[in-house]
Amino acid sequence: MTEEDVPAVAALEQVLFPVDAWPERFFRQELSQTGTRRYWVAEGAVQESAVQEGAVQEGAVQEGTPHDGAAQLLGYVGLMCVPPFADVQTLAVARAGRRRGLGRLLLRTLIEEGRDRGAEQVLLEVRIDNHGAQHLYRGEGFSVIHTRRGYYRDGCDALIMRLPLADLEAPTSASRLRSPDA
C-alpha cells in the first residue's frame, strides 16, 4: 500500500466497516511507521490458484504499485510487528473478491512478513459476530485466547486470536536469566 492507495482503501473501509471504519488519516499514520508497519493491497483478479499449499505465489499481492483507478481494489491487509509479537492491524476483502482465496492470501502474506521480522506469534481482534473471518483465521491455525467485552464502538465483543509461529513454551534467554539454575 502506498499513499496513493489510501483514498480507495478508505472508501472500501467505509463500505465494509461502516461502524468501525478507520479514517484516511489512520491509514496515512500507519504507512508513515515503516519500522514496525507493513501494508499491502490486492487489485484486479486474484485466482484461488494463487494460494498453494500455504505459500503465496509471487505477484499475487501487489507491493508498491499505486491504486491507479483502472484496477479494482479487492482487498488490503496491514501488519504491526514488534517482536516477539506481530499484530493484524486490518484485513479486508471487497465483496467482489470474496470466496476466491484472497483473504487467505492476504493473511498468509502478513504471517510470512511477521515470521521474517522475527515474530513468535501473530495476534488479532475479530468481531464476535464475524463468523466468516473467524472461519478464515481458524483455518490458518489461529485460536481464541480471550474475549474483550464491548471492544467495538457499537458494543460488540471482540475475540482475541493467536497464531504461534514458534514454540511458546520453549525457554527464552530472558527466562534463563530469571532461573536460579542459569
N, C-alpha and C. Protein backbone atom coordinates (compact mmCIF):
# COMPACT_ATOMS: atom_id res chain seq x y z
N MET A 1 0.85 -1.18 0.00
CA MET A 1 0.00 0.00 0.00
C MET A 1 0.89 1.23 0.00
N THR A 2 0.51 2.21 -0.79
CA THR A 2 1.22 3.48 -0.84
C THR A 2 0.23 4.59 -0.50
N GLU A 3 0.76 5.80 -0.36
CA GLU A 3 -0.09 6.97 -0.09
C GLU A 3 -1.19 7.10 -1.15
N GLU A 4 -0.85 6.78 -2.40
CA GLU A 4 -1.82 6.91 -3.49
C GLU A 4 -2.98 5.93 -3.35
N ASP A 5 -2.77 4.83 -2.64
CA ASP A 5 -3.82 3.84 -2.43
C ASP A 5 -4.83 4.25 -1.36
N VAL A 6 -4.43 5.15 -0.47
CA VAL A 6 -5.22 5.44 0.72
C VAL A 6 -6.66 5.88 0.42
N PRO A 7 -6.92 6.79 -0.52
CA PRO A 7 -8.33 7.16 -0.75
C PRO A 7 -9.21 5.97 -1.13
N ALA A 8 -8.72 5.10 -2.01
CA ALA A 8 -9.51 3.93 -2.40
C ALA A 8 -9.67 2.96 -1.24
N VAL A 9 -8.60 2.77 -0.45
CA VAL A 9 -8.66 1.89 0.71
C VAL A 9 -9.66 2.44 1.73
N ALA A 10 -9.60 3.73 2.01
CA ALA A 10 -10.50 4.34 2.98
C ALA A 10 -11.95 4.27 2.50
N ALA A 11 -12.18 4.41 1.21
CA ALA A 11 -13.54 4.29 0.68
C ALA A 11 -14.06 2.86 0.86
N LEU A 12 -13.23 1.87 0.57
CA LEU A 12 -13.64 0.48 0.77
C LEU A 12 -13.86 0.20 2.26
N GLU A 13 -13.02 0.74 3.09
CA GLU A 13 -13.16 0.60 4.55
C GLU A 13 -14.54 1.09 5.01
N GLN A 14 -14.98 2.23 4.48
CA GLN A 14 -16.30 2.78 4.85
C GLN A 14 -17.43 1.85 4.45
N VAL A 15 -17.29 1.22 3.28
CA VAL A 15 -18.32 0.29 2.80
C VAL A 15 -18.36 -0.97 3.65
N LEU A 16 -17.18 -1.52 3.96
CA LEU A 16 -17.12 -2.81 4.66
C LEU A 16 -17.31 -2.71 6.16
N PHE A 17 -16.87 -1.61 6.76
CA PHE A 17 -16.93 -1.45 8.21
C PHE A 17 -17.56 -0.12 8.60
N PRO A 18 -18.81 0.11 8.26
CA PRO A 18 -19.40 1.43 8.48
C PRO A 18 -19.39 1.88 9.94
N VAL A 19 -19.46 0.97 10.88
CA VAL A 19 -19.47 1.34 12.30
C VAL A 19 -18.06 1.64 12.80
N ASP A 20 -17.09 0.88 12.34
CA ASP A 20 -15.74 0.96 12.89
C ASP A 20 -14.69 1.38 11.87
N ALA A 21 -15.07 2.02 10.80
CA ALA A 21 -14.12 2.36 9.73
C ALA A 21 -13.04 3.31 10.22
N TRP A 22 -11.81 3.02 9.78
CA TRP A 22 -10.71 3.93 10.04
C TRP A 22 -10.83 5.13 9.11
N PRO A 23 -10.54 6.32 9.58
CA PRO A 23 -10.48 7.47 8.67
C PRO A 23 -9.18 7.41 7.86
N GLU A 24 -9.12 8.14 6.78
CA GLU A 24 -7.93 8.17 5.92
C GLU A 24 -6.66 8.46 6.71
N ARG A 25 -6.76 9.37 7.65
CA ARG A 25 -5.56 9.78 8.39
C ARG A 25 -4.95 8.61 9.17
N PHE A 26 -5.76 7.65 9.63
CA PHE A 26 -5.21 6.47 10.31
C PHE A 26 -4.33 5.66 9.37
N PHE A 27 -4.81 5.46 8.14
CA PHE A 27 -4.00 4.72 7.17
C PHE A 27 -2.70 5.46 6.87
N ARG A 28 -2.79 6.77 6.72
CA ARG A 28 -1.59 7.56 6.45
C ARG A 28 -0.60 7.47 7.62
N GLN A 29 -1.11 7.53 8.84
CA GLN A 29 -0.25 7.40 10.02
C GLN A 29 0.42 6.03 10.05
N GLU A 30 -0.34 4.99 9.74
CA GLU A 30 0.22 3.64 9.74
C GLU A 30 1.33 3.52 8.69
N LEU A 31 1.10 4.06 7.50
CA LEU A 31 2.10 3.97 6.43
C LEU A 31 3.38 4.72 6.79
N SER A 32 3.28 5.73 7.63
CA SER A 32 4.46 6.51 8.00
C SER A 32 5.36 5.78 9.00
N GLN A 33 4.88 4.70 9.58
CA GLN A 33 5.65 3.97 10.60
C GLN A 33 6.30 2.73 9.97
N THR A 34 7.21 2.98 9.06
CA THR A 34 7.79 1.90 8.27
C THR A 34 8.62 0.91 9.07
N GLY A 35 9.13 1.31 10.21
CA GLY A 35 9.93 0.39 11.02
C GLY A 35 9.13 -0.75 11.63
N THR A 36 7.87 -0.49 11.92
CA THR A 36 7.05 -1.50 12.59
C THR A 36 5.80 -1.89 11.81
N ARG A 37 5.48 -1.20 10.72
CA ARG A 37 4.24 -1.47 9.99
C ARG A 37 4.54 -1.87 8.55
N ARG A 38 3.61 -2.65 7.98
CA ARG A 38 3.66 -3.01 6.56
C ARG A 38 2.24 -3.25 6.09
N TYR A 39 1.87 -2.68 4.96
CA TYR A 39 0.52 -2.80 4.40
C TYR A 39 0.60 -3.22 2.94
N TRP A 40 -0.39 -4.01 2.52
CA TRP A 40 -0.49 -4.47 1.13
C TRP A 40 -1.89 -4.22 0.63
N VAL A 41 -1.99 -4.05 -0.69
CA VAL A 41 -3.29 -4.02 -1.36
C VAL A 41 -3.31 -5.12 -2.40
N ALA A 42 -4.51 -5.58 -2.72
CA ALA A 42 -4.70 -6.55 -3.81
C ALA A 42 -5.65 -5.90 -4.80
N GLU A 43 -5.25 -5.90 -6.06
CA GLU A 43 -6.04 -5.28 -7.12
C GLU A 43 -6.31 -6.29 -8.22
N GLY A 44 -7.39 -6.06 -8.94
CA GLY A 44 -7.71 -6.90 -10.08
C GLY A 44 -8.18 -8.28 -9.63
N ALA A 45 -8.00 -9.25 -10.47
CA ALA A 45 -8.47 -10.61 -10.20
C ALA A 45 -7.37 -11.42 -9.54
N VAL A 46 -7.70 -12.01 -8.40
CA VAL A 46 -6.80 -12.95 -7.74
C VAL A 46 -7.50 -14.28 -7.78
N GLN A 47 -6.87 -15.26 -8.37
CA GLN A 47 -7.47 -16.58 -8.55
C GLN A 47 -7.15 -17.46 -7.36
N GLU A 48 -8.01 -18.43 -7.09
CA GLU A 48 -7.77 -19.35 -5.99
C GLU A 48 -6.45 -20.06 -6.15
N SER A 49 -5.99 -20.25 -7.37
CA SER A 49 -4.72 -20.93 -7.59
C SER A 49 -3.54 -20.12 -7.08
N ALA A 50 -3.75 -18.85 -6.71
CA ALA A 50 -2.67 -18.04 -6.17
C ALA A 50 -2.26 -18.51 -4.77
N VAL A 51 -3.11 -19.27 -4.11
CA VAL A 51 -2.81 -19.80 -2.79
C VAL A 51 -2.50 -21.28 -2.97
N GLN A 52 -1.24 -21.65 -2.75
CA GLN A 52 -0.82 -23.03 -2.98
C GLN A 52 -0.13 -23.58 -1.74
N GLU A 53 -0.69 -24.62 -1.14
CA GLU A 53 -0.03 -25.33 -0.04
C GLU A 53 0.64 -24.38 0.95
N GLY A 54 -0.07 -23.33 1.34
CA GLY A 54 0.47 -22.42 2.35
C GLY A 54 1.45 -21.40 1.84
N ALA A 55 1.74 -21.39 0.55
CA ALA A 55 2.70 -20.44 0.00
C ALA A 55 1.97 -19.42 -0.85
N VAL A 56 2.45 -18.23 -0.86
CA VAL A 56 1.87 -17.16 -1.67
C VAL A 56 2.63 -17.07 -2.97
N GLN A 57 1.91 -17.16 -4.08
CA GLN A 57 2.57 -17.03 -5.38
C GLN A 57 3.09 -15.61 -5.55
N GLU A 58 4.27 -15.50 -6.08
CA GLU A 58 4.87 -14.19 -6.31
C GLU A 58 4.00 -13.38 -7.26
N GLY A 59 3.77 -12.13 -6.90
CA GLY A 59 3.00 -11.22 -7.75
C GLY A 59 1.50 -11.28 -7.52
N ALA A 60 1.03 -12.19 -6.66
CA ALA A 60 -0.41 -12.29 -6.43
C ALA A 60 -0.92 -11.13 -5.59
N VAL A 61 -0.06 -10.56 -4.74
CA VAL A 61 -0.40 -9.38 -3.97
C VAL A 61 0.55 -8.28 -4.41
N GLN A 62 -0.03 -7.16 -4.80
CA GLN A 62 0.79 -6.07 -5.33
C GLN A 62 1.48 -5.31 -4.21
N GLU A 63 2.76 -5.03 -4.37
CA GLU A 63 3.51 -4.23 -3.41
C GLU A 63 4.06 -3.01 -4.13
N GLY A 64 3.83 -1.85 -3.54
CA GLY A 64 4.43 -0.62 -4.05
C GLY A 64 3.84 -0.13 -5.36
N THR A 65 2.70 -0.65 -5.77
CA THR A 65 2.06 -0.19 -7.00
C THR A 65 0.82 0.60 -6.62
N PRO A 66 0.78 1.89 -6.89
CA PRO A 66 -0.37 2.69 -6.50
C PRO A 66 -1.65 2.19 -7.17
N HIS A 67 -2.75 2.33 -6.43
CA HIS A 67 -4.05 2.02 -7.00
C HIS A 67 -4.36 3.12 -8.01
N ASP A 68 -4.36 2.77 -9.27
CA ASP A 68 -4.48 3.78 -10.33
C ASP A 68 -5.90 4.03 -10.80
N GLY A 69 -6.86 3.37 -10.18
CA GLY A 69 -8.24 3.58 -10.58
C GLY A 69 -8.67 2.65 -11.69
N ALA A 70 -7.73 2.11 -12.48
CA ALA A 70 -8.08 1.20 -13.57
C ALA A 70 -8.32 -0.20 -13.03
N ALA A 71 -7.48 -0.63 -12.10
CA ALA A 71 -7.65 -1.95 -11.48
C ALA A 71 -8.60 -1.81 -10.30
N GLN A 72 -9.38 -2.84 -10.07
CA GLN A 72 -10.33 -2.82 -8.97
C GLN A 72 -9.61 -3.19 -7.67
N LEU A 73 -9.77 -2.38 -6.64
CA LEU A 73 -9.23 -2.68 -5.33
C LEU A 73 -10.08 -3.80 -4.72
N LEU A 74 -9.45 -4.94 -4.48
CA LEU A 74 -10.18 -6.10 -3.95
C LEU A 74 -9.94 -6.34 -2.48
N GLY A 75 -8.85 -5.81 -1.94
CA GLY A 75 -8.59 -6.02 -0.53
C GLY A 75 -7.32 -5.37 -0.07
N TYR A 76 -7.12 -5.42 1.24
CA TYR A 76 -5.92 -4.87 1.84
C TYR A 76 -5.70 -5.52 3.19
N VAL A 77 -4.46 -5.45 3.64
CA VAL A 77 -4.10 -6.04 4.93
C VAL A 77 -2.95 -5.23 5.51
N GLY A 78 -2.91 -5.14 6.84
CA GLY A 78 -1.84 -4.41 7.49
C GLY A 78 -1.30 -5.14 8.69
N LEU A 79 -0.01 -4.99 8.91
CA LEU A 79 0.72 -5.65 9.98
C LEU A 79 1.47 -4.64 10.83
N MET A 80 1.43 -4.84 12.14
CA MET A 80 2.35 -4.17 13.04
C MET A 80 3.20 -5.27 13.64
N CYS A 81 4.52 -5.11 13.61
CA CYS A 81 5.39 -6.13 14.17
C CYS A 81 6.44 -5.50 15.06
N VAL A 82 6.37 -5.86 16.33
CA VAL A 82 7.36 -5.50 17.32
C VAL A 82 7.68 -6.82 18.02
N PRO A 83 8.71 -7.53 17.50
CA PRO A 83 8.99 -8.87 18.02
C PRO A 83 9.07 -8.88 19.55
N PRO A 84 8.48 -9.90 20.15
CA PRO A 84 8.11 -11.18 19.56
C PRO A 84 6.68 -11.22 19.03
N PHE A 85 5.99 -10.07 18.97
CA PHE A 85 4.59 -10.06 18.55
C PHE A 85 4.41 -9.42 17.18
N ALA A 86 3.51 -10.00 16.40
CA ALA A 86 3.00 -9.37 15.18
C ALA A 86 1.50 -9.24 15.40
N ASP A 87 0.94 -8.16 14.91
CA ASP A 87 -0.48 -7.91 15.12
C ASP A 87 -1.13 -7.58 13.79
N VAL A 88 -2.23 -8.25 13.49
CA VAL A 88 -3.02 -7.93 12.30
C VAL A 88 -3.75 -6.63 12.60
N GLN A 89 -3.34 -5.55 11.97
CA GLN A 89 -3.97 -4.26 12.18
C GLN A 89 -5.32 -4.18 11.47
N THR A 90 -5.37 -4.73 10.26
CA THR A 90 -6.60 -4.73 9.48
C THR A 90 -6.49 -5.79 8.39
N LEU A 91 -7.63 -6.31 8.01
CA LEU A 91 -7.71 -7.21 6.87
C LEU A 91 -9.11 -7.05 6.31
N ALA A 92 -9.18 -6.73 5.03
CA ALA A 92 -10.48 -6.52 4.40
C ALA A 92 -10.47 -7.04 2.97
N VAL A 93 -11.59 -7.63 2.58
CA VAL A 93 -11.76 -8.11 1.22
C VAL A 93 -13.10 -7.59 0.70
N ALA A 94 -13.05 -6.91 -0.44
CA ALA A 94 -14.28 -6.41 -1.07
C ALA A 94 -15.18 -7.58 -1.43
N ARG A 95 -16.45 -7.33 -1.48
CA ARG A 95 -17.40 -8.39 -1.82
C ARG A 95 -17.04 -9.07 -3.14
N ALA A 96 -16.54 -8.31 -4.10
CA ALA A 96 -16.17 -8.86 -5.41
C ALA A 96 -14.98 -9.81 -5.32
N GLY A 97 -14.21 -9.73 -4.23
CA GLY A 97 -13.03 -10.59 -4.09
C GLY A 97 -13.22 -11.76 -3.14
N ARG A 98 -14.40 -11.91 -2.61
CA ARG A 98 -14.63 -12.96 -1.61
C ARG A 98 -14.86 -14.33 -2.23
N ARG A 99 -14.59 -15.34 -1.40
CA ARG A 99 -14.82 -16.75 -1.75
C ARG A 99 -13.90 -17.21 -2.89
N ARG A 100 -12.74 -16.54 -3.02
CA ARG A 100 -11.80 -16.90 -4.08
C ARG A 100 -10.39 -17.09 -3.53
N GLY A 101 -10.25 -17.10 -2.19
CA GLY A 101 -8.95 -17.31 -1.58
C GLY A 101 -8.16 -16.05 -1.31
N LEU A 102 -8.73 -14.89 -1.60
CA LEU A 102 -7.99 -13.64 -1.43
C LEU A 102 -7.70 -13.34 0.04
N GLY A 103 -8.68 -13.52 0.90
CA GLY A 103 -8.46 -13.26 2.32
C GLY A 103 -7.34 -14.14 2.87
N ARG A 104 -7.35 -15.40 2.47
CA ARG A 104 -6.31 -16.34 2.89
C ARG A 104 -4.94 -15.90 2.36
N LEU A 105 -4.91 -15.48 1.12
CA LEU A 105 -3.67 -15.00 0.50
C LEU A 105 -3.12 -13.79 1.25
N LEU A 106 -3.97 -12.82 1.55
CA LEU A 106 -3.54 -11.63 2.28
C LEU A 106 -3.05 -11.99 3.68
N LEU A 107 -3.79 -12.87 4.36
CA LEU A 107 -3.40 -13.28 5.70
C LEU A 107 -2.07 -14.01 5.69
N ARG A 108 -1.87 -14.89 4.73
CA ARG A 108 -0.60 -15.63 4.65
C ARG A 108 0.56 -14.70 4.32
N THR A 109 0.31 -13.69 3.51
CA THR A 109 1.34 -12.70 3.21
C THR A 109 1.77 -12.00 4.50
N LEU A 110 0.80 -11.59 5.29
CA LEU A 110 1.07 -10.92 6.56
C LEU A 110 1.81 -11.84 7.53
N ILE A 111 1.39 -13.09 7.64
CA ILE A 111 2.04 -14.05 8.54
C ILE A 111 3.50 -14.25 8.15
N GLU A 112 3.76 -14.40 6.86
CA GLU A 112 5.14 -14.57 6.40
C GLU A 112 5.99 -13.35 6.73
N GLU A 113 5.43 -12.16 6.58
CA GLU A 113 6.16 -10.95 6.93
C GLU A 113 6.47 -10.92 8.42
N GLY A 114 5.50 -11.30 9.25
CA GLY A 114 5.74 -11.36 10.69
C GLY A 114 6.84 -12.34 11.02
N ARG A 115 6.81 -13.50 10.40
CA ARG A 115 7.85 -14.52 10.61
C ARG A 115 9.22 -13.97 10.18
N ASP A 116 9.26 -13.31 9.02
CA ASP A 116 10.52 -12.75 8.52
C ASP A 116 11.07 -11.67 9.45
N ARG A 117 10.17 -10.98 10.15
CA ARG A 117 10.59 -9.91 11.07
C ARG A 117 10.90 -10.44 12.48
N GLY A 118 10.79 -11.74 12.68
CA GLY A 118 11.16 -12.33 13.96
C GLY A 118 10.03 -12.49 14.96
N ALA A 119 8.79 -12.38 14.52
CA ALA A 119 7.66 -12.57 15.45
C ALA A 119 7.56 -14.04 15.85
N GLU A 120 7.19 -14.26 17.09
CA GLU A 120 6.96 -15.60 17.60
C GLU A 120 5.47 -15.96 17.61
N GLN A 121 4.63 -14.93 17.48
CA GLN A 121 3.19 -15.16 17.42
C GLN A 121 2.51 -13.99 16.73
N VAL A 122 1.37 -14.29 16.12
CA VAL A 122 0.55 -13.27 15.46
C VAL A 122 -0.75 -13.18 16.25
N LEU A 123 -1.15 -11.97 16.56
CA LEU A 123 -2.38 -11.70 17.31
C LEU A 123 -3.34 -10.90 16.44
N LEU A 124 -4.63 -11.02 16.74
CA LEU A 124 -5.63 -10.21 16.05
C LEU A 124 -6.89 -10.12 16.89
N GLU A 125 -7.69 -9.11 16.59
CA GLU A 125 -9.03 -8.98 17.16
C GLU A 125 -10.02 -9.17 16.03
N VAL A 126 -11.13 -9.85 16.33
CA VAL A 126 -12.18 -10.05 15.33
C VAL A 126 -13.53 -9.94 16.04
N ARG A 127 -14.47 -9.32 15.36
CA ARG A 127 -15.82 -9.20 15.94
C ARG A 127 -16.39 -10.58 16.22
N ILE A 128 -17.04 -10.70 17.34
CA ILE A 128 -17.61 -11.99 17.73
C ILE A 128 -18.71 -12.43 16.76
N ASP A 129 -19.29 -11.47 16.04
CA ASP A 129 -20.35 -11.80 15.08
C ASP A 129 -19.82 -11.94 13.65
N ASN A 130 -18.52 -11.89 13.44
CA ASN A 130 -17.94 -12.03 12.10
C ASN A 130 -17.46 -13.48 11.93
N HIS A 131 -18.41 -14.35 11.68
CA HIS A 131 -18.13 -15.78 11.59
C HIS A 131 -17.27 -16.14 10.39
N GLY A 132 -17.42 -15.43 9.29
CA GLY A 132 -16.60 -15.69 8.11
C GLY A 132 -15.13 -15.47 8.38
N ALA A 133 -14.81 -14.34 9.02
CA ALA A 133 -13.41 -14.05 9.35
C ALA A 133 -12.88 -15.05 10.37
N GLN A 134 -13.68 -15.40 11.35
CA GLN A 134 -13.24 -16.38 12.34
C GLN A 134 -12.93 -17.72 11.68
N HIS A 135 -13.75 -18.11 10.72
CA HIS A 135 -13.52 -19.37 9.99
C HIS A 135 -12.17 -19.31 9.25
N LEU A 136 -11.89 -18.19 8.60
CA LEU A 136 -10.62 -18.00 7.91
C LEU A 136 -9.46 -18.13 8.90
N TYR A 137 -9.54 -17.42 10.00
CA TYR A 137 -8.44 -17.42 10.97
C TYR A 137 -8.23 -18.81 11.58
N ARG A 138 -9.31 -19.47 11.93
CA ARG A 138 -9.17 -20.83 12.48
C ARG A 138 -8.56 -21.77 11.45
N GLY A 139 -8.93 -21.61 10.20
CA GLY A 139 -8.39 -22.43 9.13
C GLY A 139 -6.90 -22.24 8.93
N GLU A 140 -6.37 -21.10 9.36
CA GLU A 140 -4.94 -20.82 9.26
C GLU A 140 -4.21 -21.10 10.57
N GLY A 141 -4.92 -21.69 11.56
CA GLY A 141 -4.27 -22.11 12.79
C GLY A 141 -4.43 -21.18 13.98
N PHE A 142 -5.19 -20.10 13.84
CA PHE A 142 -5.43 -19.21 14.97
C PHE A 142 -6.41 -19.85 15.95
N SER A 143 -6.26 -19.54 17.22
CA SER A 143 -7.22 -19.99 18.23
C SER A 143 -7.57 -18.81 19.14
N VAL A 144 -8.75 -18.88 19.73
CA VAL A 144 -9.22 -17.82 20.62
C VAL A 144 -8.49 -17.93 21.95
N ILE A 145 -7.96 -16.79 22.41
CA ILE A 145 -7.29 -16.77 23.72
C ILE A 145 -7.97 -15.85 24.72
N HIS A 146 -8.90 -15.00 24.25
CA HIS A 146 -9.55 -14.06 25.16
C HIS A 146 -10.74 -13.42 24.46
N THR A 147 -11.66 -12.89 25.25
CA THR A 147 -12.77 -12.09 24.73
C THR A 147 -12.70 -10.71 25.36
N ARG A 148 -12.74 -9.68 24.53
CA ARG A 148 -12.81 -8.31 25.02
C ARG A 148 -14.24 -7.84 24.91
N ARG A 149 -14.86 -7.64 26.05
CA ARG A 149 -16.26 -7.21 26.09
C ARG A 149 -16.39 -5.76 25.63
N GLY A 150 -17.38 -5.51 24.75
CA GLY A 150 -17.68 -4.16 24.31
C GLY A 150 -16.54 -3.46 23.59
N TYR A 151 -15.69 -4.20 22.93
CA TYR A 151 -14.50 -3.65 22.28
C TYR A 151 -14.83 -2.68 21.15
N TYR A 152 -15.85 -2.99 20.35
CA TYR A 152 -16.17 -2.16 19.19
C TYR A 152 -17.15 -1.05 19.57
N ARG A 153 -17.17 0.00 18.75
CA ARG A 153 -17.99 1.19 19.03
C ARG A 153 -19.45 0.88 19.28
N ASP A 154 -19.98 -0.13 18.61
CA ASP A 154 -21.39 -0.46 18.78
C ASP A 154 -21.62 -1.41 19.96
N GLY A 155 -20.58 -1.67 20.74
CA GLY A 155 -20.71 -2.53 21.91
C GLY A 155 -20.45 -4.00 21.66
N CYS A 156 -20.18 -4.37 20.42
CA CYS A 156 -19.92 -5.77 20.08
C CYS A 156 -18.60 -6.22 20.73
N ASP A 157 -18.59 -7.46 21.17
CA ASP A 157 -17.38 -8.04 21.74
C ASP A 157 -16.39 -8.41 20.65
N ALA A 158 -15.11 -8.50 21.04
CA ALA A 158 -14.05 -8.95 20.14
C ALA A 158 -13.43 -10.22 20.69
N LEU A 159 -13.15 -11.14 19.80
CA LEU A 159 -12.35 -12.30 20.17
C LEU A 159 -10.90 -11.96 19.88
N ILE A 160 -10.02 -12.27 20.81
CA ILE A 160 -8.59 -12.13 20.59
C ILE A 160 -8.11 -13.51 20.17
N MET A 161 -7.45 -13.57 19.03
CA MET A 161 -6.97 -14.84 18.49
C MET A 161 -5.46 -14.78 18.33
N ARG A 162 -4.83 -15.96 18.43
CA ARG A 162 -3.37 -16.04 18.34
C ARG A 162 -2.96 -17.21 17.46
N LEU A 163 -1.91 -16.96 16.70
CA LEU A 163 -1.25 -17.99 15.91
C LEU A 163 0.20 -18.06 16.36
N PRO A 164 0.62 -19.15 17.01
CA PRO A 164 2.03 -19.28 17.37
C PRO A 164 2.87 -19.53 16.12
N LEU A 165 3.99 -18.84 16.03
CA LEU A 165 4.95 -19.06 14.93
C LEU A 165 6.18 -19.78 15.45
N ALA A 166 6.27 -19.93 16.76
CA ALA A 166 7.39 -20.60 17.41
C ALA A 166 6.82 -21.37 18.60
N ASP A 167 7.61 -22.19 19.20
CA ASP A 167 7.21 -22.92 20.40
C ASP A 167 7.16 -21.93 21.55
N LEU A 168 5.95 -21.55 21.97
CA LEU A 168 5.80 -20.53 23.00
C LEU A 168 6.16 -21.06 24.39
N GLU A 169 6.31 -22.37 24.51
CA GLU A 169 6.69 -22.97 25.79
C GLU A 169 8.21 -23.11 25.93
N ALA A 170 8.93 -22.94 24.85
CA ALA A 170 10.39 -23.10 24.90
C ALA A 170 11.00 -22.00 25.75
N PRO A 171 12.06 -22.34 26.49
CA PRO A 171 12.70 -21.29 27.30
C PRO A 171 13.35 -20.25 26.39
N THR A 172 13.27 -19.01 26.83
CA THR A 172 13.90 -17.92 26.10
C THR A 172 15.10 -17.44 26.89
N SER A 173 15.91 -16.62 26.30
CA SER A 173 17.08 -16.10 27.02
C SER A 173 16.64 -15.32 28.25
N ALA A 174 15.52 -14.62 28.18
CA ALA A 174 15.03 -13.86 29.32
C ALA A 174 14.61 -14.80 30.44
N SER A 175 13.96 -15.91 30.12
CA SER A 175 13.54 -16.84 31.17
C SER A 175 14.75 -17.50 31.82
N ARG A 176 15.81 -17.75 31.08
CA ARG A 176 17.03 -18.33 31.65
C ARG A 176 17.69 -17.35 32.61
N LEU A 177 17.58 -16.04 32.32
CA LEU A 177 18.17 -15.06 33.21
C LEU A 177 17.47 -15.05 34.57
N ARG A 178 16.18 -15.35 34.59
CA ARG A 178 15.42 -15.36 35.85
C ARG A 178 15.58 -16.68 36.61
N SER A 179 16.03 -17.70 35.94
CA SER A 179 16.12 -19.02 36.54
C SER A 179 17.32 -19.12 37.49
N PRO A 180 17.12 -19.66 38.70
CA PRO A 180 18.24 -19.80 39.63
C PRO A 180 19.26 -20.82 39.13
N ASP A 181 18.89 -21.69 38.18
CA ASP A 181 19.79 -22.69 37.64
C ASP A 181 20.67 -22.16 36.53
N ALA A 182 20.40 -20.95 36.07
CA ALA A 182 21.10 -20.41 34.90
C ALA A 182 22.53 -20.06 35.21
